[in-house]
């Protein structure tokens, strides 16, 4: 599986596009706004004379959510400058994702975004320049000490590759029947990738620079008891039913695994602390309903069939390129119809939610790092 070619969301604006099915991700941007505001406020105090500011959104995908995040960042900076009576810095805003991302739709959204700004529908009084940046965030993207603020939402649960040596019969992720070695290989891959991500961003951030990261995780330390294991398990169940009917070869299913890992908060913090490159300023965990159109905070399902269909459309917008690449296009409609039914049945028994981990990290100064290393 060539991750960089197939790991992208459905492009365009159809009913199964990511742009039309990313309401959950939109809510995440709103929920982490206080964390972003805290980080940007502190950074503006630390760097009061900034004339230029570089901000990067890593794993931006396509659609309106990207510009919702940028709007929030510019409003926060603009409001701070207005309160202080100083000129806002010129902002260079980088939108990063893998090369196969639908940058065409993204740039079309940029055109609409600029029209709204000119029409005064978004109050943004910060001079800004927006550019696309294709490339993997598991590689260097920027010159040393050139970025002030990194943001990444709903991206870091995608690891750099499917772990090598997996034998995970009948599963596409860590399932109840997965051998312990499968779980360990996934954990080790996440640790390597997240460590690399932190090392790269440390080099690219200016002194005092910060990051706000949010990604899917799990509430419990038990790796087999994750909410995403349940979700991907229902996809596996749907694929297995297609295999039993002879529509897909069993070997084809057994060779398909997701480049994905949902860590616990403790796992993520352990990697950060082991690296010793960043101070953890703030952490938060929040939950989103599977159904992106269910805004309720209770545990009641109002229409399990509709919620199943809504969640299936959301997952399809993320998974379809991977499914088509590995199994072909012929099974796509049938697969997600079965998945919708499996989700509907599951929701009758339990209203499972998606845990999201949010972290604010600040680059350590050299003196802090030296003290840390000398105490190790």
Protein backbone atom coordinates (compact mmCIF):
# COMPACT_ATOMS: atom_id res chain seq x y z
CA UNK A 1 0.00 0.00 0.00
CA UNK A 2 1.59 3.25 -1.18
CA UNK A 3 0.45 5.52 1.63
CA UNK A 4 1.19 8.79 -0.14
CA UNK A 5 -0.85 7.83 -3.21
CA UNK A 6 -3.94 6.36 -1.52
CA UNK A 7 -4.12 8.12 1.86
CA UNK A 8 -6.27 11.07 0.92
CA UNK A 9 -9.90 11.95 1.52
CA UNK A 10 -12.56 11.85 -1.20
CA UNK A 11 -12.20 15.03 -3.21
CA UNK A 12 -14.79 17.20 -4.91
CA UNK A 13 -18.14 18.17 -3.45
CA UNK A 14 -20.30 15.06 -3.99
CA UNK A 15 -22.44 13.50 -1.24
CA UNK A 16 -19.52 11.20 -0.34
CA UNK A 17 -16.80 13.85 -0.51
CA UNK A 18 -14.79 14.83 2.54
CA UNK A 19 -15.91 18.44 2.10
CA UNK A 20 -19.54 17.32 2.53
CA UNK A 21 -18.84 14.89 5.40
CA UNK A 22 -16.44 16.65 7.76
CA UNK A 23 -18.81 18.17 10.30
CA UNK A 24 -17.14 16.21 13.10
CA UNK A 25 -13.80 17.74 12.18
CA UNK A 26 -15.41 21.19 12.09
CA UNK A 27 -16.63 20.71 15.66
CA UNK A 28 -13.11 19.76 16.71
CA UNK A 29 -11.78 23.12 15.45
CA UNK A 30 -14.36 24.91 17.62
CA UNK A 31 -13.62 22.79 20.68
CA UNK A 32 -9.87 23.43 20.57
CA UNK A 33 -10.28 27.17 19.96
CA UNK A 34 -9.64 28.03 23.65
CA UNK A 35 -6.40 26.03 23.50
CA UNK A 36 -5.34 27.84 20.32
CA UNK A 37 -6.20 31.19 21.85
CA UNK A 38 -4.16 30.43 24.95
CA UNK A 39 -1.17 29.32 22.85
CA UNK A 40 -1.29 32.27 20.46
CA UNK A 41 -1.78 34.76 23.29
CA UNK A 42 1.26 33.47 25.15
CA UNK A 43 3.30 33.42 21.96
CA UNK A 44 2.32 37.00 21.18
CA UNK A 45 3.51 38.03 24.65
CA UNK A 46 6.80 36.15 24.17
CA UNK A 47 7.32 37.61 20.70
CA UNK A 48 5.71 41.07 20.95
CA UNK A 49 7.62 42.71 18.10
CA UNK A 50 6.77 40.19 15.40
CA UNK A 51 6.42 41.83 12.01
CA UNK A 52 5.87 38.55 10.21
CA UNK A 53 4.28 35.33 11.45
CA UNK A 54 4.35 31.90 9.80
CA UNK A 55 1.53 29.45 10.55
CA UNK A 56 1.14 25.97 9.09
CA UNK A 57 -1.84 23.62 9.07
CA UNK A 58 -0.54 20.05 8.72
CA UNK A 59 -2.93 17.55 7.16
CA UNK A 60 -5.30 20.27 5.98
CA UNK A 61 -7.32 18.06 3.57
CA UNK A 62 -9.90 20.03 1.55
CA UNK A 63 -13.14 21.83 2.18
CA UNK A 64 -14.35 24.53 4.56
CA UNK A 65 -12.73 23.31 7.80
CA UNK A 66 -9.27 24.39 6.70
CA UNK A 67 -10.36 28.00 6.39
CA UNK A 68 -12.36 27.82 9.60
CA UNK A 69 -9.11 27.11 11.44
CA UNK A 70 -7.20 29.86 9.61
CA UNK A 71 -10.01 32.30 10.32
CA UNK A 72 -9.82 31.51 14.04
CA UNK A 73 -6.04 32.00 14.11
CA UNK A 74 -6.24 35.35 12.32
CA UNK A 75 -9.10 36.57 14.49
CA UNK A 76 -7.22 35.69 17.67
CA UNK A 77 -4.06 37.51 16.52
CA UNK A 78 -6.08 40.44 15.15
CA UNK A 79 -8.03 40.87 18.39
CA UNK A 80 -4.85 40.76 20.49
CA UNK A 81 -3.20 43.45 18.36
CA UNK A 82 -6.32 45.59 18.44
CA UNK A 83 -6.47 45.45 22.25
CA UNK A 84 -2.80 46.44 22.46
CA UNK A 85 -3.14 49.15 19.83
CA UNK A 86 -0.36 47.69 17.66
CA UNK A 87 -0.16 46.72 14.01
CA UNK A 88 -0.80 43.01 13.38
CA UNK A 89 2.02 41.02 11.78
CA UNK A 90 1.86 39.93 8.18
CA UNK A 91 0.87 36.27 8.24
CA UNK A 92 2.14 33.57 5.87
CA UNK A 93 -0.28 30.62 6.09
CA UNK A 94 0.78 27.22 4.75
CA UNK A 95 -1.77 24.51 3.95
CA UNK A 96 -0.04 21.14 3.97
CA UNK A 97 -1.18 17.68 2.96
CA UNK A 98 0.01 14.74 0.88
CA UNK A 99 0.38 15.41 -2.87
CA UNK A 100 -2.75 13.38 -3.77
CA UNK A 101 -4.92 15.66 -1.62
CA UNK A 102 -7.62 17.52 -3.56
CA UNK A 103 -5.80 20.85 -3.65
CA UNK A 104 -8.03 21.97 -6.54
CA UNK A 105 -11.10 21.96 -4.30
CA UNK A 106 -9.02 23.56 -1.56
CA UNK A 107 -7.97 26.44 -3.81
CA UNK A 108 -11.56 26.89 -5.01
CA UNK A 109 -12.56 27.19 -1.35
CA UNK A 110 -9.79 29.77 -0.96
CA UNK A 111 -11.39 31.86 -3.69
CA UNK A 112 -14.73 31.74 -1.83
CA UNK A 113 -12.96 32.52 1.45
CA UNK A 114 -11.37 35.66 -0.03
CA UNK A 115 -14.74 36.78 -1.40
CA UNK A 116 -16.24 36.52 2.10
CA UNK A 117 -13.35 38.52 3.56
CA UNK A 118 -13.72 41.25 0.93
CA UNK A 119 -17.47 41.34 1.54
CA UNK A 120 -16.86 41.82 5.26
CA UNK A 121 -18.56 38.55 6.28
CA UNK A 122 -15.44 37.49 8.18
CA UNK A 123 -13.88 40.23 10.29
CA UNK A 124 -10.19 39.65 9.59
CA UNK A 125 -7.94 42.68 9.91
CA UNK A 126 -4.67 40.78 9.55
CA UNK A 127 -2.71 40.92 6.27
CA UNK A 128 -2.32 37.32 5.16
CA UNK A 129 -0.91 35.24 2.33
CA UNK A 130 -2.09 31.64 1.84
CA UNK A 131 -0.20 28.95 -0.08
CA UNK A 132 -0.44 25.19 -0.53
CA UNK A 133 2.42 22.91 0.52
CA UNK A 134 2.23 19.27 -0.68
CA UNK A 135 4.35 16.80 1.27
CA UNK A 136 4.36 14.36 4.20
CA UNK A 137 4.60 15.77 7.71
CA UNK A 138 6.84 12.79 8.48
CA UNK A 139 9.50 14.66 6.48
CA UNK A 140 11.06 18.13 6.76
CA UNK A 141 8.75 20.77 5.28
CA UNK A 142 10.28 24.10 6.35
CA UNK A 143 13.68 25.75 6.90
CA UNK A 144 15.10 25.67 10.41
CA UNK A 145 13.45 28.02 12.94
CA UNK A 146 11.04 29.51 10.41
CA UNK A 147 7.57 28.61 11.73
CA UNK A 148 5.84 30.26 14.69
CA UNK A 149 2.76 28.07 15.06
CA UNK A 150 1.78 24.59 13.87
CA UNK A 151 -1.77 23.28 13.87
CA UNK A 152 -2.84 19.75 12.99
CA UNK A 153 -6.33 18.33 13.38
CA UNK A 154 -7.57 14.79 12.69
CA UNK A 155 -4.30 13.79 11.01
CA UNK A 156 -1.70 12.33 13.39
CA UNK A 157 -3.65 9.10 13.90
CA UNK A 158 -2.52 8.29 10.33
CA UNK A 159 0.89 6.66 10.72
CA UNK A 160 3.58 6.71 8.05
CA UNK A 161 2.98 3.11 6.93
CA UNK A 162 1.23 -0.14 7.78
CA UNK A 163 3.60 -1.83 10.26
CA UNK A 164 5.79 -4.43 8.62
CA UNK A 165 5.30 -8.10 9.46
CA UNK A 166 1.57 -7.95 10.25
CA UNK A 167 -0.39 -11.19 10.24
CA UNK A 168 -3.85 -9.99 11.13
CA UNK A 169 -6.29 -12.44 9.58
CA UNK A 170 -9.80 -11.09 9.08
CA UNK A 171 -9.01 -7.67 10.62
CA UNK A 172 -8.05 -4.32 9.13
CA UNK A 173 -6.86 -2.83 12.44
CA UNK A 174 -6.37 -4.03 16.02
CA UNK A 175 -9.39 -6.26 16.60
CA UNK A 176 -10.46 -8.66 19.32
CA UNK A 177 -8.93 -11.58 17.40
CA UNK A 178 -5.68 -9.78 16.55
CA UNK A 179 -2.56 -11.45 18.02
CA UNK A 180 -0.62 -9.48 20.67
CA UNK A 181 2.22 -9.01 18.17
CA UNK A 182 -0.13 -7.01 15.90
CA UNK A 183 -0.94 -4.60 18.73
CA UNK A 184 2.76 -4.22 19.57
CA UNK A 185 3.74 -3.55 15.95
CA UNK A 186 1.10 -0.81 15.70
CA UNK A 187 2.22 0.73 19.00
CA UNK A 188 5.87 0.70 17.98
CA UNK A 189 5.09 2.27 14.59
CA UNK A 190 3.16 5.08 16.26
CA UNK A 191 5.98 5.75 18.72
CA UNK A 192 8.55 5.96 15.92
CA UNK A 193 6.36 8.18 13.77
CA UNK A 194 5.24 10.55 16.51
CA UNK A 195 8.84 10.85 17.76
CA UNK A 196 9.96 11.71 14.22
CA UNK A 197 7.12 14.24 13.84
CA UNK A 198 8.16 15.99 17.06
CA UNK A 199 11.83 16.04 16.07
CA UNK A 200 11.06 17.57 12.66
CA UNK A 201 8.75 20.24 14.05
CA UNK A 202 11.26 21.12 16.78
CA UNK A 203 13.81 21.96 14.08
CA UNK A 204 11.30 24.05 12.12
CA UNK A 205 9.82 26.08 15.00
CA UNK A 206 11.26 29.38 16.14
CA UNK A 207 12.32 29.60 19.81
CA UNK A 208 9.12 29.88 21.82
CA UNK A 209 7.04 28.47 18.95
CA UNK A 210 4.02 26.33 19.76
CA UNK A 211 1.86 23.56 18.32
CA UNK A 212 -1.77 22.64 18.87
CA UNK A 213 -2.43 19.05 17.84
CA UNK A 214 -5.70 17.12 17.92
CA UNK A 215 -6.20 13.56 16.72
CA UNK A 216 -8.30 10.48 17.35
CA UNK A 217 -7.31 8.38 20.35
CA UNK A 218 -8.78 6.11 22.99
CA UNK A 219 -9.89 6.64 26.57
CA UNK A 220 -8.54 3.43 28.06
CA UNK A 221 -5.00 2.09 28.28
CA UNK A 222 -6.16 -1.33 27.05
CA UNK A 223 -5.23 -1.29 23.38
CA UNK A 224 -7.97 -3.81 22.55
CA UNK A 225 -10.64 -1.69 24.19
CA UNK A 226 -10.50 1.33 21.93
CA UNK A 227 -13.52 3.02 20.42
CA UNK A 228 -11.82 3.11 17.01
CA UNK A 229 -11.19 -0.64 17.26
CA UNK A 230 -14.98 -1.01 17.49
CA UNK A 231 -15.54 1.22 14.47
CA UNK A 232 -12.93 -0.43 12.26
CA UNK A 233 -14.14 -3.80 13.54
CA UNK A 234 -17.54 -3.10 11.98
CA UNK A 235 -15.81 -2.33 8.67
CA UNK A 236 -13.92 -5.64 9.00
CA UNK A 237 -17.22 -7.41 9.70
CA UNK A 238 -18.71 -5.89 6.55
CA UNK A 239 -15.73 -6.95 4.46
CA UNK A 240 -15.80 -10.47 5.90
CA UNK A 241 -19.46 -10.85 4.91
CA UNK A 242 -18.53 -9.90 1.34
CA UNK A 243 -15.69 -12.47 1.43
CA UNK A 244 -18.10 -15.18 2.59
CA UNK A 245 -20.27 -14.51 -0.45
CA UNK A 246 -17.30 -14.89 -2.76
CA UNK A 247 -17.28 -11.27 -3.90
CA UNK A 248 -13.77 -10.71 -2.54
CA UNK A 249 -10.95 -13.21 -2.05
CA UNK A 250 -10.04 -13.95 1.55
CA UNK A 251 -6.36 -13.33 0.81
CA UNK A 252 -7.26 -9.87 -0.42
CA UNK A 253 -8.86 -9.01 2.93
CA UNK A 254 -6.02 -10.53 4.96
CA UNK A 255 -3.50 -8.34 3.15
CA UNK A 256 -5.41 -5.12 3.87
CA UNK A 257 -4.54 -3.20 7.05
CA UNK A 258 -4.96 0.47 7.88
CA UNK A 259 -1.99 2.84 8.41
CA UNK A 260 -3.76 4.11 11.53
CA UNK A 261 -3.28 4.14 15.27
CA UNK A 262 -5.40 5.64 18.05
CA UNK A 263 -3.18 6.17 21.12
CA UNK A 264 -4.21 6.84 24.67
CA UNK A 265 -3.33 10.24 26.14
CA UNK A 266 -0.74 8.51 28.32
CA UNK A 267 0.97 7.01 25.26
CA UNK A 268 1.13 10.36 23.47
CA UNK A 269 2.50 12.15 26.55
CA UNK A 270 5.07 9.40 27.12
CA UNK A 271 6.51 9.91 23.63
CA UNK A 272 6.63 13.70 24.12
CA UNK A 273 8.36 13.39 27.49
CA UNK A 274 10.83 10.80 26.19
CA UNK A 275 11.82 13.12 23.34
CA UNK A 276 12.40 16.02 25.72
CA UNK A 277 11.90 18.61 22.97
CA UNK A 278 8.60 20.19 24.05
CA UNK A 279 6.87 21.33 27.20
CA UNK A 280 3.30 20.08 27.46
CA UNK A 281 1.33 23.26 28.12
CA UNK A 282 -2.17 21.80 28.10
CA UNK A 283 -4.00 18.57 27.31
CA UNK A 284 -7.67 17.90 26.81
CA UNK A 285 -9.81 14.97 25.74
CA UNK A 286 -13.27 15.42 24.28
CA UNK A 287 -15.70 13.13 22.49
CA UNK A 288 -17.69 13.34 19.29
CA UNK A 289 -20.70 11.24 18.34
CA UNK A 290 -20.23 8.77 15.51
CA UNK A 291 -23.09 10.45 13.68
CA UNK A 292 -21.70 13.85 12.63
CA UNK A 293 -25.23 15.28 12.54
CA UNK A 294 -26.02 14.24 16.12
CA UNK A 295 -25.22 17.26 18.29
CA UNK A 296 -26.68 15.79 21.48
CA UNK A 297 -24.60 15.23 24.61
CA UNK A 298 -26.70 12.34 25.91
CA UNK A 299 -26.42 8.58 25.33
CA UNK A 300 -29.70 8.28 23.45
CA UNK A 301 -29.92 7.35 19.75
CA UNK A 302 -32.88 9.05 18.11
CA UNK A 303 -32.73 7.18 14.78
CA UNK A 304 -30.17 4.39 14.66
CA UNK A 305 -30.73 3.70 10.93
CA UNK A 306 -30.17 7.32 9.92
CA UNK A 307 -27.21 7.63 12.28
CA UNK A 308 -25.73 4.48 10.72
CA UNK A 309 -26.11 5.97 7.24
CA UNK A 310 -24.58 9.28 8.35
CA UNK A 311 -21.56 7.63 9.94
CA UNK A 312 -21.09 5.34 6.93
CA UNK A 313 -21.00 8.37 4.62
CA UNK A 314 -18.43 10.01 6.89
CA UNK A 315 -16.19 6.93 6.97
CA UNK A 316 -16.61 6.42 3.22
CA UNK A 317 -15.32 9.94 2.57
CA UNK A 318 -12.13 8.92 4.38
CA UNK A 319 -11.73 5.27 3.35
CA UNK A 320 -12.98 5.06 -0.24
CA UNK A 321 -9.64 5.79 -1.96
CA UNK A 322 -7.96 3.03 0.09
CA UNK A 323 -10.78 0.57 -0.58
CA UNK A 324 -10.78 1.26 -4.33
CA UNK A 325 -6.99 0.97 -4.53
CA UNK A 326 -6.94 -2.44 -2.82
CA UNK A 327 -10.29 -4.11 -3.65
CA UNK A 328 -11.49 -2.20 -6.71
CA UNK A 329 -14.49 0.05 -7.18
CA UNK A 330 -17.08 -2.72 -7.64
CA UNK A 331 -17.61 -3.43 -3.92
CA UNK A 332 -17.70 0.14 -2.63
CA UNK A 333 -21.47 0.76 -2.58
CA UNK A 334 -22.23 -2.69 -1.17
CA UNK A 335 -19.50 -2.45 1.46
CA UNK A 336 -20.68 0.84 2.92
CA UNK A 337 -24.36 -0.19 2.74
CA UNK A 338 -23.48 -3.19 4.92
CA UNK A 339 -21.34 -1.04 7.17
CA UNK A 340 -24.26 1.37 7.67
CA UNK A 341 -26.47 -1.56 8.74
CA UNK A 342 -23.80 -2.89 11.11
CA UNK A 343 -23.42 0.55 12.69
CA UNK A 344 -27.20 0.86 13.08
CA UNK A 345 -27.31 -2.50 14.89
CA UNK A 346 -24.40 -1.52 17.13
CA UNK A 347 -25.98 1.82 18.08
CA UNK A 348 -29.06 0.01 19.40
CA UNK A 349 -26.80 -1.60 22.00
CA UNK A 350 -24.42 1.29 22.67
CA UNK A 351 -23.89 4.90 21.63
CA UNK A 352 -20.14 4.74 21.02
CA UNK A 353 -18.25 8.01 20.65
CA UNK A 354 -14.96 9.08 19.14
CA UNK A 355 -12.36 10.26 21.69
CA UNK A 356 -10.20 13.14 20.46
CA UNK A 357 -6.90 14.01 22.12
CA UNK A 358 -5.84 17.67 22.06
CA UNK A 359 -2.39 18.86 23.13
CA UNK A 360 -0.66 22.23 23.21
CA UNK A 361 3.13 21.93 23.05
CA UNK A 362 5.80 24.62 23.37
CA UNK A 363 9.31 24.26 22.01
CA UNK A 364 11.85 23.98 24.81
CA UNK A 365 14.75 26.39 24.99
CA UNK A 366 18.27 24.94 24.68
CA UNK A 367 18.97 25.53 28.39
CA UNK A 368 15.89 23.55 29.35
CA UNK A 369 16.95 20.67 27.09
CA UNK A 370 20.47 20.67 28.50
CA UNK A 371 19.13 20.50 32.06
CA UNK A 372 16.82 17.66 31.10
CA UNK A 373 19.61 15.66 29.42
CA UNK A 374 22.00 16.21 32.33
CA UNK A 375 19.40 14.75 34.72
CA UNK A 376 18.82 11.63 32.64
